[in-house]
Amino acid sequence: MGLVLLLLLLALVFGGLGLLVEGLKWVLIIAVVLFIAGALSGVRARGRRL
């Protein structure tokens, strides 16, 4: 019974870490897309003023 509880606990810990890594990966992808969109928008706006 103790082994089963230990395995369940390890599965929960590693599953949670996997979800955290997956979430951080998506946050990084969204941040890069927003950065590129902002850079393109800034270049376009700066070009209009000159």
PDB file of N, CA and C in Angstrom:
ATOM      1  N   MET A   1       0.834  -1.200   0.000  1.00  0.00           N
ATOM      2  CA  MET A   1       0.000   0.000   0.000  1.00  0.00           C
ATOM      3  C   MET A   1       0.877   1.263   0.000  1.00  0.00           C
ATOM      4  N   GLY A   2       1.955   1.202   0.756  1.00  0.00           N
ATOM      5  CA  GLY A   2       2.851   2.357   0.798  1.00  0.00           C
ATOM      6  C   GLY A   2       3.501   2.622  -0.547  1.00  0.00           C
ATOM      7  N   LEU A   3       3.834   1.526  -1.251  1.00  0.00           N
ATOM      8  CA  LEU A   3       4.440   1.676  -2.572  1.00  0.00           C
ATOM      9  C   LEU A   3       3.466   2.310  -3.556  1.00  0.00           C
ATOM     10  N   VAL A   4       2.203   1.929  -3.464  1.00  0.00           N
ATOM     11  CA  VAL A   4       1.173   2.490  -4.342  1.00  0.00           C
ATOM     12  C   VAL A   4       1.019   3.981  -4.083  1.00  0.00           C
ATOM     13  N   LEU A   5       1.002   4.357  -2.805  1.00  0.00           N
ATOM     14  CA  LEU A   5       0.887   5.779  -2.466  1.00  0.00           C
ATOM     15  C   LEU A   5       2.108   6.561  -2.955  1.00  0.00           C
ATOM     16  N   LEU A   6       3.280   5.970  -2.815  1.00  0.00           N
ATOM     17  CA  LEU A   6       4.502   6.625  -3.279  1.00  0.00           C
ATOM     18  C   LEU A   6       4.467   6.820  -4.796  1.00  0.00           C
ATOM     19  N   LEU A   7       4.038   5.784  -5.508  1.00  0.00           N
ATOM     20  CA  LEU A   7       3.950   5.898  -6.971  1.00  0.00           C
ATOM     21  C   LEU A   7       2.916   6.934  -7.392  1.00  0.00           C
ATOM     22  N   LEU A   8       1.781   6.977  -6.707  1.00  0.00           N
ATOM     23  CA  LEU A   8       0.764   7.996  -7.008  1.00  0.00           C
ATOM     24  C   LEU A   8       1.299   9.401  -6.746  1.00  0.00           C
ATOM     25  N   LEU A   9       2.008   9.560  -5.646  1.00  0.00           N
ATOM     26  CA  LEU A   9       2.581  10.866  -5.323  1.00  0.00           C
ATOM     27  C   LEU A   9       3.615  11.288  -6.363  1.00  0.00           C
ATOM     28  N   LEU A  10       4.465  10.359  -6.768  1.00  0.00           N
ATOM     29  CA  LEU A  10       5.464  10.668  -7.796  1.00  0.00           C
ATOM     30  C   LEU A  10       4.800  11.007  -9.131  1.00  0.00           C
ATOM     31  N   ALA A  11       3.732  10.280  -9.469  1.00  0.00           N
ATOM     32  CA  ALA A  11       3.011  10.566 -10.716  1.00  0.00           C
ATOM     33  C   ALA A  11       2.400  11.965 -10.681  1.00  0.00           C
ATOM     34  N   LEU A  12       1.845  12.326  -9.535  1.00  0.00           N
ATOM     35  CA  LEU A  12       1.266  13.669  -9.412  1.00  0.00           C
ATOM     36  C   LEU A  12       2.328  14.757  -9.510  1.00  0.00           C
ATOM     37  N   VAL A  13       3.469  14.529  -8.865  1.00  0.00           N
ATOM     38  CA  VAL A  13       4.546  15.526  -8.889  1.00  0.00           C
ATOM     39  C   VAL A  13       5.081  15.694 -10.312  1.00  0.00           C
ATOM     40  N   PHE A  14       5.406  14.562 -10.967  1.00  0.00           N
ATOM     41  CA  PHE A  14       5.970  14.663 -12.312  1.00  0.00           C
ATOM     42  C   PHE A  14       4.935  15.136 -13.319  1.00  0.00           C
ATOM     43  N   GLY A  15       3.681  14.781 -13.126  1.00  0.00           N
ATOM     44  CA  GLY A  15       2.616  15.284 -13.994  1.00  0.00           C
ATOM     45  C   GLY A  15       2.442  16.785 -13.853  1.00  0.00           C
ATOM     46  N   GLY A  16       2.519  17.250 -12.603  1.00  0.00           N
ATOM     47  CA  GLY A  16       2.416  18.696 -12.362  1.00  0.00           C
ATOM     48  C   GLY A  16       3.583  19.444 -12.975  1.00  0.00           C
ATOM     49  N   LEU A  17       4.782  18.862 -12.867  1.00  0.00           N
ATOM     50  CA  LEU A  17       5.946  19.502 -13.486  1.00  0.00           C
ATOM     51  C   LEU A  17       5.809  19.531 -15.005  1.00  0.00           C
ATOM     52  N   GLY A  18       5.272  18.452 -15.566  1.00  0.00           N
ATOM     53  CA  GLY A  18       5.063  18.420 -17.014  1.00  0.00           C
ATOM     54  C   GLY A  18       4.083  19.489 -17.461  1.00  0.00           C
ATOM     55  N   LEU A  19       3.006  19.662 -16.690  1.00  0.00           N
ATOM     56  CA  LEU A  19       2.029  20.708 -17.023  1.00  0.00           C
ATOM     57  C   LEU A  19       2.650  22.092 -16.893  1.00  0.00           C
ATOM     58  N   LEU A  20       3.474  22.275 -15.872  1.00  0.00           N
ATOM     59  CA  LEU A  20       4.133  23.566 -15.687  1.00  0.00           C
ATOM     60  C   LEU A  20       5.060  23.876 -16.863  1.00  0.00           C
ATOM     61  N   VAL A  21       5.835  22.902 -17.282  1.00  0.00           N
ATOM     62  CA  VAL A  21       6.742  23.105 -18.415  1.00  0.00           C
ATOM     63  C   VAL A  21       5.951  23.392 -19.684  1.00  0.00           C
ATOM     64  N   GLU A  22       4.858  22.656 -19.885  1.00  0.00           N
ATOM     65  CA  GLU A  22       4.022  22.873 -21.067  1.00  0.00           C
ATOM     66  C   GLU A  22       3.424  24.287 -21.049  1.00  0.00           C
ATOM     67  N   GLY A  23       2.955  24.715 -19.880  1.00  0.00           N
ATOM     68  CA  GLY A  23       2.401  26.068 -19.751  1.00  0.00           C
ATOM     69  C   GLY A  23       3.450  27.134 -20.016  1.00  0.00           C
ATOM     70  N   LEU A  24       4.661  26.940 -19.484  1.00  0.00           N
ATOM     71  CA  LEU A  24       5.730  27.908 -19.713  1.00  0.00           C
ATOM     72  C   LEU A  24       6.126  27.976 -21.186  1.00  0.00           C
ATOM     73  N   LYS A  25       6.062  26.828 -21.862  1.00  0.00           N
ATOM     74  CA  LYS A  25       6.384  26.812 -23.290  1.00  0.00           C
ATOM     75  C   LYS A  25       5.372  27.652 -24.067  1.00  0.00           C
ATOM     76  N   TRP A  26       4.086  27.508 -23.735  1.00  0.00           N
ATOM     77  CA  TRP A  26       3.061  28.293 -24.427  1.00  0.00           C
ATOM     78  C   TRP A  26       3.181  29.780 -24.094  1.00  0.00           C
ATOM     79  N   VAL A  27       3.515  30.101 -22.847  1.00  0.00           N
ATOM     80  CA  VAL A  27       3.711  31.508 -22.465  1.00  0.00           C
ATOM     81  C   VAL A  27       4.868  32.103 -23.270  1.00  0.00           C
ATOM     82  N   LEU A  28       5.929  31.343 -23.447  1.00  0.00           N
ATOM     83  CA  LEU A  28       7.080  31.820 -24.221  1.00  0.00           C
ATOM     84  C   LEU A  28       6.694  32.037 -25.685  1.00  0.00           C
ATOM     85  N   ILE A  29       5.934  31.115 -26.260  1.00  0.00           N
ATOM     86  CA  ILE A  29       5.502  31.256 -27.651  1.00  0.00           C
ATOM     87  C   ILE A  29       4.642  32.501 -27.813  1.00  0.00           C
ATOM     88  N   ILE A  30       3.695  32.711 -26.904  1.00  0.00           N
ATOM     89  CA  ILE A  30       2.811  33.884 -26.981  1.00  0.00           C
ATOM     90  C   ILE A  30       3.619  35.166 -26.809  1.00  0.00           C
ATOM     91  N   ALA A  31       4.595  35.162 -25.899  1.00  0.00           N
ATOM     92  CA  ALA A  31       5.422  36.356 -25.688  1.00  0.00           C
ATOM     93  C   ALA A  31       6.230  36.693 -26.934  1.00  0.00           C
ATOM     94  N   VAL A  32       6.770  35.689 -27.613  1.00  0.00           N
ATOM     95  CA  VAL A  32       7.542  35.935 -28.828  1.00  0.00           C
ATOM     96  C   VAL A  32       6.646  36.492 -29.928  1.00  0.00           C
ATOM     97  N   VAL A  33       5.447  35.932 -30.075  1.00  0.00           N
ATOM     98  CA  VAL A  33       4.515  36.426 -31.096  1.00  0.00           C
ATOM     99  C   VAL A  33       4.133  37.876 -30.811  1.00  0.00           C
ATOM    100  N   LEU A  34       3.833  38.190 -29.555  1.00  0.00           N
ATOM    101  CA  LEU A  34       3.475  39.575 -29.207  1.00  0.00           C
ATOM    102  C   LEU A  34       4.652  40.517 -29.395  1.00  0.00           C
ATOM    103  N   PHE A  35       5.863  40.060 -29.095  1.00  0.00           N
ATOM    104  CA  PHE A  35       7.049  40.890 -29.290  1.00  0.00           C
ATOM    105  C   PHE A  35       7.235  41.212 -30.772  1.00  0.00           C
ATOM    106  N   ILE A  36       7.092  40.212 -31.627  1.00  0.00           N
ATOM    107  CA  ILE A  36       7.244  40.427 -33.068  1.00  0.00           C
ATOM    108  C   ILE A  36       6.154  41.362 -33.582  1.00  0.00           C
ATOM    109  N   ALA A  37       4.911  41.154 -33.130  1.00  0.00           N
ATOM    110  CA  ALA A  37       3.812  42.026 -33.560  1.00  0.00           C
ATOM    111  C   ALA A  37       4.054  43.465 -33.108  1.00  0.00           C
ATOM    112  N   GLY A  38       4.542  43.639 -31.891  1.00  0.00           N
ATOM    113  CA  GLY A  38       4.827  44.983 -31.394  1.00  0.00           C
ATOM    114  C   GLY A  38       5.971  45.635 -32.149  1.00  0.00           C
ATOM    115  N   ALA A  39       6.995  44.861 -32.478  1.00  0.00           N
ATOM    116  CA  ALA A  39       8.128  45.408 -33.223  1.00  0.00           C
ATOM    117  C   ALA A  39       7.695  45.834 -34.624  1.00  0.00           C
ATOM    118  N   LEU A  40       6.910  45.005 -35.282  1.00  0.00           N
ATOM    119  CA  LEU A  40       6.423  45.361 -36.616  1.00  0.00           C
ATOM    120  C   LEU A  40       5.521  46.583 -36.564  1.00  0.00           C
ATOM    121  N   SER A  41       4.676  46.654 -35.556  1.00  0.00           N
ATOM    122  CA  SER A  41       3.789  47.805 -35.399  1.00  0.00           C
ATOM    123  C   SER A  41       4.602  49.081 -35.141  1.00  0.00           C
ATOM    124  N   GLY A  42       5.648  48.975 -34.322  1.00  0.00           N
ATOM    125  CA  GLY A  42       6.482  50.142 -34.036  1.00  0.00           C
ATOM    126  C   GLY A  42       7.245  50.607 -35.252  1.00  0.00           C
ATOM    127  N   VAL A  43       7.761  49.676 -36.032  1.00  0.00           N
ATOM    128  CA  VAL A  43       8.488  50.043 -37.251  1.00  0.00           C
ATOM    129  C   VAL A  43       7.548  50.726 -38.234  1.00  0.00           C
ATOM    130  N   ARG A  44       6.338  50.196 -38.350  1.00  0.00           N
ATOM    131  CA  ARG A  44       5.364  50.774 -39.274  1.00  0.00           C
ATOM    132  C   ARG A  44       4.954  52.178 -38.822  1.00  0.00           C
ATOM    133  N   ALA A  45       4.736  52.369 -37.513  1.00  0.00           N
ATOM    134  CA  ALA A  45       4.332  53.671 -36.983  1.00  0.00           C
ATOM    135  C   ALA A  45       5.471  54.676 -37.107  1.00  0.00           C
ATOM    136  N   ARG A  46       6.703  54.247 -36.863  1.00  0.00           N
ATOM    137  CA  ARG A  46       7.836  55.161 -36.958  1.00  0.00           C
ATOM    138  C   ARG A  46       8.077  55.561 -38.414  1.00  0.00           C
ATOM    139  N   GLY A  47       7.841  54.665 -39.328  1.00  0.00           N
ATOM    140  CA  GLY A  47       8.013  54.992 -40.745  1.00  0.00           C
ATOM    141  C   GLY A  47       7.025  56.018 -41.241  1.00  0.00           C
ATOM    142  N   ARG A  48       5.833  56.044 -40.664  1.00  0.00           N
ATOM    143  CA  ARG A  48       4.811  57.013 -41.088  1.00  0.00           C
ATOM    144  C   ARG A  48       5.136  58.425 -40.625  1.00  0.00           C
ATOM    145  N   ARG A  49       5.802  58.542 -39.469  1.00  0.00           N
ATOM    146  CA  ARG A  49       6.093  59.883 -38.935  1.00  0.00           C
ATOM    147  C   ARG A  49       7.193  60.593 -39.696  1.00  0.00           C
ATOM    148  N   LEU A  50       8.086  59.839 -40.292  1.00  0.00           N
ATOM    149  CA  LEU A  50       9.230  60.487 -40.948  1.00  0.00           C
ATOM    150  C   LEU A  50       8.858  61.095 -42.274  1.00  0.00           C
TER     151      LEU A  50
END
